[in-house]
Amino acid sequence: MENIVNTAGDAVGGATLYQSSCASCHGVNAEGLGIFPKLVGQTANKIAADLRAYRAGEKTGRMARMMVPISAGLSDGEIDNLAAFLSGL
């Protein structure tokens, strides 16, 4: 069962953060690039839960090595903003 999180973020703020922090790996339109997964089409809950799990060091797998340090610097508000932006694509 997926954890329900507060994802009432600011999509405009999320867009700015995404372009500066995520787009170089996940693509300008979150379509995924190379080994980096596609994010477009995912729910806000999934995006926020995954980022929080990476931040806590709880999510493992092939992308954890890159995502744990990146997500460690994100606040709850920034995660919510990213989730709001990405889920709206």
PDB file of N, CA and C in Angstrom:
ATOM      1  N   MET A   1       0.846  -1.187   0.000  1.00  0.00           N
ATOM      2  CA  MET A   1       0.000   0.000   0.000  1.00  0.00           C
ATOM      3  C   MET A   1       0.887   1.244   0.000  1.00  0.00           C
ATOM      4  N   GLU A   2       0.584   2.155  -0.854  1.00  0.00           N
ATOM      5  CA  GLU A   2       1.364   3.380  -0.989  1.00  0.00           C
ATOM      6  C   GLU A   2       1.061   4.337   0.157  1.00  0.00           C
ATOM      7  N   ASN A   3       2.110   4.929   0.732  1.00  0.00           N
ATOM      8  CA  ASN A   3       1.916   5.930   1.776  1.00  0.00           C
ATOM      9  C   ASN A   3       1.309   7.175   1.151  1.00  0.00           C
ATOM     10  N   ILE A   4       0.321   7.739   1.814  1.00  0.00           N
ATOM     11  CA  ILE A   4      -0.298   8.982   1.345  1.00  0.00           C
ATOM     12  C   ILE A   4       0.461  10.138   1.993  1.00  0.00           C
ATOM     13  N   VAL A   5       0.903  11.061   1.187  1.00  0.00           N
ATOM     14  CA  VAL A   5       1.657  12.203   1.683  1.00  0.00           C
ATOM     15  C   VAL A   5       0.985  13.482   1.227  1.00  0.00           C
ATOM     16  N   ASN A   6       1.317  14.561   1.892  1.00  0.00           N
ATOM     17  CA  ASN A   6       0.790  15.870   1.496  1.00  0.00           C
ATOM     18  C   ASN A   6       1.539  16.332   0.256  1.00  0.00           C
ATOM     19  N   THR A   7       0.841  16.465  -0.835  1.00  0.00           N
ATOM     20  CA  THR A   7       1.485  16.921  -2.066  1.00  0.00           C
ATOM     21  C   THR A   7       0.816  18.178  -2.603  1.00  0.00           C
ATOM     22  N   ALA A   8       0.366  19.018  -1.705  1.00  0.00           N
ATOM     23  CA  ALA A   8      -0.264  20.271  -2.116  1.00  0.00           C
ATOM     24  C   ALA A   8       0.826  21.313  -2.340  1.00  0.00           C
ATOM     25  N   GLY A   9       1.715  21.013  -3.264  1.00  0.00           N
ATOM     26  CA  GLY A   9       2.834  21.907  -3.514  1.00  0.00           C
ATOM     27  C   GLY A   9       2.541  22.935  -4.578  1.00  0.00           C
ATOM     28  N   ASP A  10       3.518  23.765  -4.811  1.00  0.00           N
ATOM     29  CA  ASP A  10       3.466  24.836  -5.792  1.00  0.00           C
ATOM     30  C   ASP A  10       4.135  24.343  -7.077  1.00  0.00           C
ATOM     31  N   ALA A  11       3.348  24.095  -8.104  1.00  0.00           N
ATOM     32  CA  ALA A  11       3.875  23.549  -9.356  1.00  0.00           C
ATOM     33  C   ALA A  11       4.862  24.505 -10.032  1.00  0.00           C
ATOM     34  N   VAL A  12       4.658  25.805  -9.895  1.00  0.00           N
ATOM     35  CA  VAL A  12       5.578  26.776 -10.512  1.00  0.00           C
ATOM     36  C   VAL A  12       6.944  26.689  -9.835  1.00  0.00           C
ATOM     37  N   GLY A  13       6.940  26.633  -8.514  1.00  0.00           N
ATOM     38  CA  GLY A  13       8.201  26.461  -7.776  1.00  0.00           C
ATOM     39  C   GLY A  13       8.846  25.129  -8.107  1.00  0.00           C
ATOM     40  N   GLY A  14       8.025  24.101  -8.264  1.00  0.00           N
ATOM     41  CA  GLY A  14       8.534  22.789  -8.631  1.00  0.00           C
ATOM     42  C   GLY A  14       9.169  22.783 -10.006  1.00  0.00           C
ATOM     43  N   ALA A  15       8.592  23.536 -10.949  1.00  0.00           N
ATOM     44  CA  ALA A  15       9.143  23.614 -12.305  1.00  0.00           C
ATOM     45  C   ALA A  15      10.538  24.229 -12.283  1.00  0.00           C
ATOM     46  N   THR A  16      10.695  25.274 -11.512  1.00  0.00           N
ATOM     47  CA  THR A  16      11.998  25.935 -11.408  1.00  0.00           C
ATOM     48  C   THR A  16      13.032  24.990 -10.799  1.00  0.00           C
ATOM     49  N   LEU A  17      12.660  24.332  -9.721  1.00  0.00           N
ATOM     50  CA  LEU A  17      13.562  23.386  -9.067  1.00  0.00           C
ATOM     51  C   LEU A  17      13.878  22.210  -9.978  1.00  0.00           C
ATOM     52  N   TYR A  18      12.876  21.710 -10.670  1.00  0.00           N
ATOM     53  CA  TYR A  18      13.088  20.585 -11.585  1.00  0.00           C
ATOM     54  C   TYR A  18      14.098  20.949 -12.664  1.00  0.00           C
ATOM     55  N   GLN A  19      13.926  22.101 -13.288  1.00  0.00           N
ATOM     56  CA  GLN A  19      14.818  22.498 -14.377  1.00  0.00           C
ATOM     57  C   GLN A  19      16.257  22.667 -13.892  1.00  0.00           C
ATOM     58  N   SER A  20      16.443  23.127 -12.665  1.00  0.00           N
ATOM     59  CA  SER A  20      17.798  23.349 -12.163  1.00  0.00           C
ATOM     60  C   SER A  20      18.423  22.105 -11.539  1.00  0.00           C
ATOM     61  N   SER A  21      17.628  21.151 -11.106  1.00  0.00           N
ATOM     62  CA  SER A  21      18.172  20.022 -10.362  1.00  0.00           C
ATOM     63  C   SER A  21      17.925  18.645 -10.972  1.00  0.00           C
ATOM     64  N   CYS A  22      16.927  18.503 -11.814  1.00  0.00           N
ATOM     65  CA  CYS A  22      16.500  17.168 -12.244  1.00  0.00           C
ATOM     66  C   CYS A  22      16.544  16.949 -13.748  1.00  0.00           C
ATOM     67  N   ALA A  23      16.329  18.013 -14.498  1.00  0.00           N
ATOM     68  CA  ALA A  23      16.151  17.885 -15.948  1.00  0.00           C
ATOM     69  C   ALA A  23      17.371  17.323 -16.665  1.00  0.00           C
ATOM     70  N   SER A  24      18.560  17.580 -16.157  1.00  0.00           N
ATOM     71  CA  SER A  24      19.751  17.104 -16.852  1.00  0.00           C
ATOM     72  C   SER A  24      19.823  15.581 -16.888  1.00  0.00           C
ATOM     73  N   CYS A  25      19.189  14.903 -15.947  1.00  0.00           N
ATOM     74  CA  CYS A  25      19.162  13.436 -15.936  1.00  0.00           C
ATOM     75  C   CYS A  25      17.831  12.867 -16.438  1.00  0.00           C
ATOM     76  N   HIS A  26      16.737  13.462 -16.007  1.00  0.00           N
ATOM     77  CA  HIS A  26      15.412  12.920 -16.325  1.00  0.00           C
ATOM     78  C   HIS A  26      14.789  13.520 -17.583  1.00  0.00           C
ATOM     79  N   GLY A  27      15.450  14.509 -18.179  1.00  0.00           N
ATOM     80  CA  GLY A  27      14.949  15.127 -19.395  1.00  0.00           C
ATOM     81  C   GLY A  27      14.127  16.368 -19.109  1.00  0.00           C
ATOM     82  N   VAL A  28      14.141  17.290 -20.039  1.00  0.00           N
ATOM     83  CA  VAL A  28      13.433  18.567 -19.891  1.00  0.00           C
ATOM     84  C   VAL A  28      11.950  18.342 -19.623  1.00  0.00           C
ATOM     85  N   ASN A  29      11.368  17.337 -20.255  1.00  0.00           N
ATOM     86  CA  ASN A  29       9.942  17.037 -20.080  1.00  0.00           C
ATOM     87  C   ASN A  29       9.709  15.797 -19.226  1.00  0.00           C
ATOM     88  N   ALA A  30      10.708  15.415 -18.432  1.00  0.00           N
ATOM     89  CA  ALA A  30      10.640  14.269 -17.522  1.00  0.00           C
ATOM     90  C   ALA A  30      10.384  12.952 -18.247  1.00  0.00           C
ATOM     91  N   GLU A  31      10.816  12.900 -19.516  1.00  0.00           N
ATOM     92  CA  GLU A  31      10.586  11.711 -20.334  1.00  0.00           C
ATOM     93  C   GLU A  31      11.624  10.634 -20.099  1.00  0.00           C
ATOM     94  N   GLY A  32      12.643  10.923 -19.283  1.00  0.00           N
ATOM     95  CA  GLY A  32      13.711   9.974 -19.018  1.00  0.00           C
ATOM     96  C   GLY A  32      14.807  10.076 -20.059  1.00  0.00           C
ATOM     97  N   LEU A  33      16.028   9.870 -19.641  1.00  0.00           N
ATOM     98  CA  LEU A  33      17.176   9.910 -20.544  1.00  0.00           C
ATOM     99  C   LEU A  33      18.102   8.749 -20.189  1.00  0.00           C
ATOM    100  N   GLY A  34      18.462   7.953 -21.154  1.00  0.00           N
ATOM    101  CA  GLY A  34      19.377   6.842 -20.901  1.00  0.00           C
ATOM    102  C   GLY A  34      18.906   5.954 -19.763  1.00  0.00           C
ATOM    103  N   ILE A  35      19.747   5.827 -18.740  1.00  0.00           N
ATOM    104  CA  ILE A  35      19.402   4.973 -17.594  1.00  0.00           C
ATOM    105  C   ILE A  35      18.453   5.652 -16.611  1.00  0.00           C
ATOM    106  N   PHE A  36      18.213   6.939 -16.809  1.00  0.00           N
ATOM    107  CA  PHE A  36      17.389   7.698 -15.866  1.00  0.00           C
ATOM    108  C   PHE A  36      15.915   7.530 -16.216  1.00  0.00           C
ATOM    109  N   PRO A  37      15.113   7.146 -15.242  1.00  0.00           N
ATOM    110  CA  PRO A  37      13.721   6.793 -15.529  1.00  0.00           C
ATOM    111  C   PRO A  37      12.829   7.974 -15.893  1.00  0.00           C
ATOM    112  N   LYS A  38      11.786   7.632 -16.604  1.00  0.00           N
ATOM    113  CA  LYS A  38      10.730   8.579 -16.963  1.00  0.00           C
ATOM    114  C   LYS A  38       9.943   8.913 -15.695  1.00  0.00           C
ATOM    115  N   LEU A  39       9.666  10.176 -15.486  1.00  0.00           N
ATOM    116  CA  LEU A  39       8.881  10.622 -14.330  1.00  0.00           C
ATOM    117  C   LEU A  39       7.492  11.081 -14.734  1.00  0.00           C
ATOM    118  N   VAL A  40       7.344  11.524 -15.971  1.00  0.00           N
ATOM    119  CA  VAL A  40       6.053  11.973 -16.454  1.00  0.00           C
ATOM    120  C   VAL A  40       5.059  10.819 -16.338  1.00  0.00           C
ATOM    121  N   GLY A  41       3.850  11.123 -15.910  1.00  0.00           N
ATOM    122  CA  GLY A  41       2.814  10.111 -15.768  1.00  0.00           C
ATOM    123  C   GLY A  41       2.715   9.510 -14.383  1.00  0.00           C
ATOM    124  N   GLN A  42       3.662   9.823 -13.504  1.00  0.00           N
ATOM    125  CA  GLN A  42       3.588   9.312 -12.137  1.00  0.00           C
ATOM    126  C   GLN A  42       2.715  10.231 -11.281  1.00  0.00           C
ATOM    127  N   THR A  43       2.107   9.662 -10.260  1.00  0.00           N
ATOM    128  CA  THR A  43       1.261  10.461  -9.372  1.00  0.00           C
ATOM    129  C   THR A  43       2.113  11.299  -8.422  1.00  0.00           C
ATOM    130  N   ALA A  44       1.525  12.358  -7.933  1.00  0.00           N
ATOM    131  CA  ALA A  44       2.201  13.209  -6.960  1.00  0.00           C
ATOM    132  C   ALA A  44       2.580  12.399  -5.727  1.00  0.00           C
ATOM    133  N   ASN A  45       1.679  11.517  -5.271  1.00  0.00           N
ATOM    134  CA  ASN A  45       1.983  10.693  -4.103  1.00  0.00           C
ATOM    135  C   ASN A  45       3.202   9.818  -4.326  1.00  0.00           C
ATOM    136  N   LYS A  46       3.308   9.192  -5.483  1.00  0.00           N
ATOM    137  CA  LYS A  46       4.440   8.313  -5.765  1.00  0.00           C
ATOM    138  C   LYS A  46       5.733   9.110  -5.820  1.00  0.00           C
ATOM    139  N   ILE A  47       5.717  10.228  -6.500  1.00  0.00           N
ATOM    140  CA  ILE A  47       6.922  11.050  -6.607  1.00  0.00           C
ATOM    141  C   ILE A  47       7.377  11.511  -5.223  1.00  0.00           C
ATOM    142  N   ALA A  48       6.462  12.061  -4.443  1.00  0.00           N
ATOM    143  CA  ALA A  48       6.814  12.564  -3.114  1.00  0.00           C
ATOM    144  C   ALA A  48       7.267  11.438  -2.197  1.00  0.00           C
ATOM    145  N   ALA A  49       6.582  10.307  -2.224  1.00  0.00           N
ATOM    146  CA  ALA A  49       6.958   9.176  -1.365  1.00  0.00           C
ATOM    147  C   ALA A  49       8.337   8.655  -1.743  1.00  0.00           C
ATOM    148  N   ASP A  50       8.615   8.553  -3.044  1.00  0.00           N
ATOM    149  CA  ASP A  50       9.931   8.079  -3.485  1.00  0.00           C
ATOM    150  C   ASP A  50      11.029   9.044  -3.059  1.00  0.00           C
ATOM    151  N   LEU A  51      10.818  10.337  -3.249  1.00  0.00           N
ATOM    152  CA  LEU A  51      11.840  11.316  -2.855  1.00  0.00           C
ATOM    153  C   LEU A  51      12.077  11.301  -1.354  1.00  0.00           C
ATOM    154  N   ARG A  52      11.012  11.178  -0.573  1.00  0.00           N
ATOM    155  CA  ARG A  52      11.180  11.113   0.886  1.00  0.00           C
ATOM    156  C   ARG A  52      11.894   9.832   1.304  1.00  0.00           C
ATOM    157  N   ALA A  53      11.596   8.739   0.633  1.00  0.00           N
ATOM    158  CA  ALA A  53      12.271   7.471   0.943  1.00  0.00           C
ATOM    159  C   ALA A  53      13.754   7.551   0.582  1.00  0.00           C
ATOM    160  N   TYR A  54      14.072   8.130  -0.555  1.00  0.00           N
ATOM    161  CA  TYR A  54      15.483   8.328  -0.907  1.00  0.00           C
ATOM    162  C   TYR A  54      16.154   9.220   0.135  1.00  0.00           C
ATOM    163  N   ARG A  55      15.507  10.310   0.493  1.00  0.00           N
ATOM    164  CA  ARG A  55      16.076  11.245   1.463  1.00  0.00           C
ATOM    165  C   ARG A  55      16.373  10.560   2.795  1.00  0.00           C
ATOM    166  N   ALA A  56      15.507   9.647   3.204  1.00  0.00           N
ATOM    167  CA  ALA A  56      15.686   8.923   4.468  1.00  0.00           C
ATOM    168  C   ALA A  56      16.641   7.736   4.330  1.00  0.00           C
ATOM    169  N   GLY A  57      17.094   7.457   3.115  1.00  0.00           N
ATOM    170  CA  GLY A  57      17.972   6.312   2.892  1.00  0.00           C
ATOM    171  C   GLY A  57      17.242   4.989   2.905  1.00  0.00           C
ATOM    172  N   GLU A  58      15.917   5.018   2.775  1.00  0.00           N
ATOM    173  CA  GLU A  58      15.095   3.810   2.837  1.00  0.00           C
ATOM    174  C   GLU A  58      14.887   3.161   1.476  1.00  0.00           C
ATOM    175  N   LYS A  59      15.000   3.917   0.418  1.00  0.00           N
ATOM    176  CA  LYS A  59      14.757   3.375  -0.920  1.00  0.00           C
ATOM    177  C   LYS A  59      16.088   2.909  -1.496  1.00  0.00           C
ATOM    178  N   THR A  60      16.110   1.673  -1.933  1.00  0.00           N
ATOM    179  CA  THR A  60      17.329   1.116  -2.490  1.00  0.00           C
ATOM    180  C   THR A  60      17.105   0.774  -3.957  1.00  0.00           C
ATOM    181  N   GLY A  61      18.140   0.392  -4.609  1.00  0.00           N
ATOM    182  CA  GLY A  61      18.056   0.039  -6.013  1.00  0.00           C
ATOM    183  C   GLY A  61      19.141   0.739  -6.793  1.00  0.00           C
ATOM    184  N   ARG A  62      19.094   0.556  -8.088  1.00  0.00           N
ATOM    185  CA  ARG A  62      20.189   1.060  -8.923  1.00  0.00           C
ATOM    186  C   ARG A  62      20.306   2.576  -8.940  1.00  0.00           C
ATOM    187  N   MET A  63      19.241   3.296  -8.654  1.00  0.00           N
ATOM    188  CA  MET A  63      19.298   4.759  -8.694  1.00  0.00           C
ATOM    189  C   MET A  63      19.588   5.381  -7.320  1.00  0.00           C
ATOM    190  N   ALA A  64      19.552   4.582  -6.267  1.00  0.00           N
ATOM    191  CA  ALA A  64      19.737   5.120  -4.918  1.00  0.00           C
ATOM    192  C   ALA A  64      21.076   5.833  -4.747  1.00  0.00           C
ATOM    193  N   ARG A  65      22.101   5.311  -5.360  1.00  0.00           N
ATOM    194  CA  ARG A  65      23.431   5.904  -5.223  1.00  0.00           C
ATOM    195  C   ARG A  65      23.446   7.384  -5.660  1.00  0.00           C
ATOM    196  N   MET A  66      22.645   7.705  -6.655  1.00  0.00           N
ATOM    197  CA  MET A  66      22.569   9.088  -7.129  1.00  0.00           C
ATOM    198  C   MET A  66      21.479   9.879  -6.418  1.00  0.00           C
ATOM    199  N   MET A  67      20.348   9.225  -6.150  1.00  0.00           N
ATOM    200  CA  MET A  67      19.190   9.949  -5.634  1.00  0.00           C
ATOM    201  C   MET A  67      19.275  10.259  -4.141  1.00  0.00           C
ATOM    202  N   VAL A  68      19.941   9.438  -3.351  1.00  0.00           N
ATOM    203  CA  VAL A  68      20.038   9.706  -1.909  1.00  0.00           C
ATOM    204  C   VAL A  68      20.726  11.043  -1.658  1.00  0.00           C
ATOM    205  N   PRO A  69      21.904  11.303  -2.228  1.00  0.00           N
ATOM    206  CA  PRO A  69      22.525  12.607  -1.969  1.00  0.00           C
ATOM    207  C   PRO A  69      21.737  13.788  -2.537  1.00  0.00           C
ATOM    208  N   ILE A  70      21.102  13.599  -3.685  1.00  0.00           N
ATOM    209  CA  ILE A  70      20.320  14.692  -4.280  1.00  0.00           C
ATOM    210  C   ILE A  70      19.110  15.006  -3.425  1.00  0.00           C
ATOM    211  N   SER A  71      18.397  13.982  -2.997  1.00  0.00           N
ATOM    212  CA  SER A  71      17.179  14.199  -2.213  1.00  0.00           C
ATOM    213  C   SER A  71      17.480  14.644  -0.785  1.00  0.00           C
ATOM    214  N   ALA A  72      18.680  14.368  -0.294  1.00  0.00           N
ATOM    215  CA  ALA A  72      19.040  14.756   1.073  1.00  0.00           C
ATOM    216  C   ALA A  72      18.936  16.259   1.290  1.00  0.00           C
ATOM    217  N   GLY A  73      19.138  17.036   0.246  1.00  0.00           N
ATOM    218  CA  GLY A  73      19.073  18.487   0.367  1.00  0.00           C
ATOM    219  C   GLY A  73      17.701  19.087   0.141  1.00  0.00           C
ATOM    220  N   LEU A  74      16.699  18.242  -0.100  1.00  0.00           N
ATOM    221  CA  LEU A  74      15.349  18.751  -0.376  1.00  0.00           C
ATOM    222  C   LEU A  74      14.518  18.851   0.895  1.00  0.00           C
ATOM    223  N   SER A  75      13.822  19.955   1.052  1.00  0.00           N
ATOM    224  CA  SER A  75      12.880  20.100   2.169  1.00  0.00           C
ATOM    225  C   SER A  75      11.561  19.422   1.798  1.00  0.00           C
ATOM    226  N   ASP A  76      10.685  19.239   2.777  1.00  0.00           N
ATOM    227  CA  ASP A  76       9.359  18.687   2.488  1.00  0.00           C
ATOM    228  C   ASP A  76       8.622  19.564   1.477  1.00  0.00           C
ATOM    229  N   GLY A  77       8.736  20.873   1.616  1.00  0.00           N
ATOM    230  CA  GLY A  77       8.067  21.786   0.697  1.00  0.00           C
ATOM    231  C   GLY A  77       8.595  21.661  -0.724  1.00  0.00           C
ATOM    232  N   GLU A  78       9.900  21.519  -0.865  1.00  0.00           N
ATOM    233  CA  GLU A  78      10.479  21.356  -2.202  1.00  0.00           C
ATOM    234  C   GLU A  78      10.034  20.043  -2.833  1.00  0.00           C
ATOM    235  N   ILE A  79       9.965  19.000  -2.029  1.00  0.00           N
ATOM    236  CA  ILE A  79       9.479  17.712  -2.538  1.00  0.00           C
ATOM    237  C   ILE A  79       8.035  17.848  -2.995  1.00  0.00           C
ATOM    238  N   ASP A  80       7.213  18.498  -2.202  1.00  0.00           N
ATOM    239  CA  ASP A  80       5.813  18.707  -2.583  1.00  0.00           C
ATOM    240  C   ASP A  80       5.707  19.529  -3.868  1.00  0.00           C
ATOM    241  N   ASN A  81       6.572  20.529  -4.006  1.00  0.00           N
ATOM    242  CA  ASN A  81       6.564  21.353  -5.217  1.00  0.00           C
ATOM    243  C   ASN A  81       6.954  20.529  -6.443  1.00  0.00           C
ATOM    244  N   LEU A  82       7.996  19.721  -6.322  1.00  0.00           N
ATOM    245  CA  LEU A  82       8.393  18.852  -7.429  1.00  0.00           C
ATOM    246  C   LEU A  82       7.281  17.889  -7.793  1.00  0.00           C
ATOM    247  N   ALA A  83       6.650  17.304  -6.786  1.00  0.00           N
ATOM    248  CA  ALA A  83       5.562  16.354  -7.026  1.00  0.00           C
ATOM    249  C   ALA A  83       4.389  17.023  -7.731  1.00  0.00           C
ATOM    250  N   ALA A  84       4.063  18.246  -7.312  1.00  0.00           N
ATOM    251  CA  ALA A  84       2.961  18.978  -7.936  1.00  0.00           C
ATOM    252  C   ALA A  84       3.286  19.274  -9.390  1.00  0.00           C
ATOM    253  N   PHE A  85       4.494  19.699  -9.670  1.00  0.00           N
ATOM    254  CA  PHE A  85       4.901  19.990 -11.048  1.00  0.00           C
ATOM    255  C   PHE A  85       4.882  18.730 -11.909  1.00  0.00           C
ATOM    256  N   LEU A  86       5.554  17.684 -11.449  1.00  0.00           N
ATOM    257  CA  LEU A  86       5.688  16.476 -12.257  1.00  0.00           C
ATOM    258  C   LEU A  86       4.364  15.772 -12.496  1.00  0.00           C
ATOM    259  N   SER A  87       3.512  15.754 -11.513  1.00  0.00           N
ATOM    260  CA  SER A  87       2.224  15.071 -11.689  1.00  0.00           C
ATOM    261  C   SER A  87       1.300  15.817 -12.645  1.00  0.00           C
ATOM    262  N   GLY A  88       1.621  17.075 -12.920  1.00  0.00           N
ATOM    263  CA  GLY A  88       0.824  17.871 -13.836  1.00  0.00           C
ATOM    264  C   GLY A  88       1.297  17.813 -15.278  1.00  0.00           C
ATOM    265  N   LEU A  89       2.373  17.100 -15.529  1.00  0.00           N
ATOM    266  CA  LEU A  89       2.893  17.003 -16.908  1.00  0.00           C
ATOM    267  C   LEU A  89       2.059  16.072 -17.753  1.00  0.00           C
TER     268      LEU A  89
END
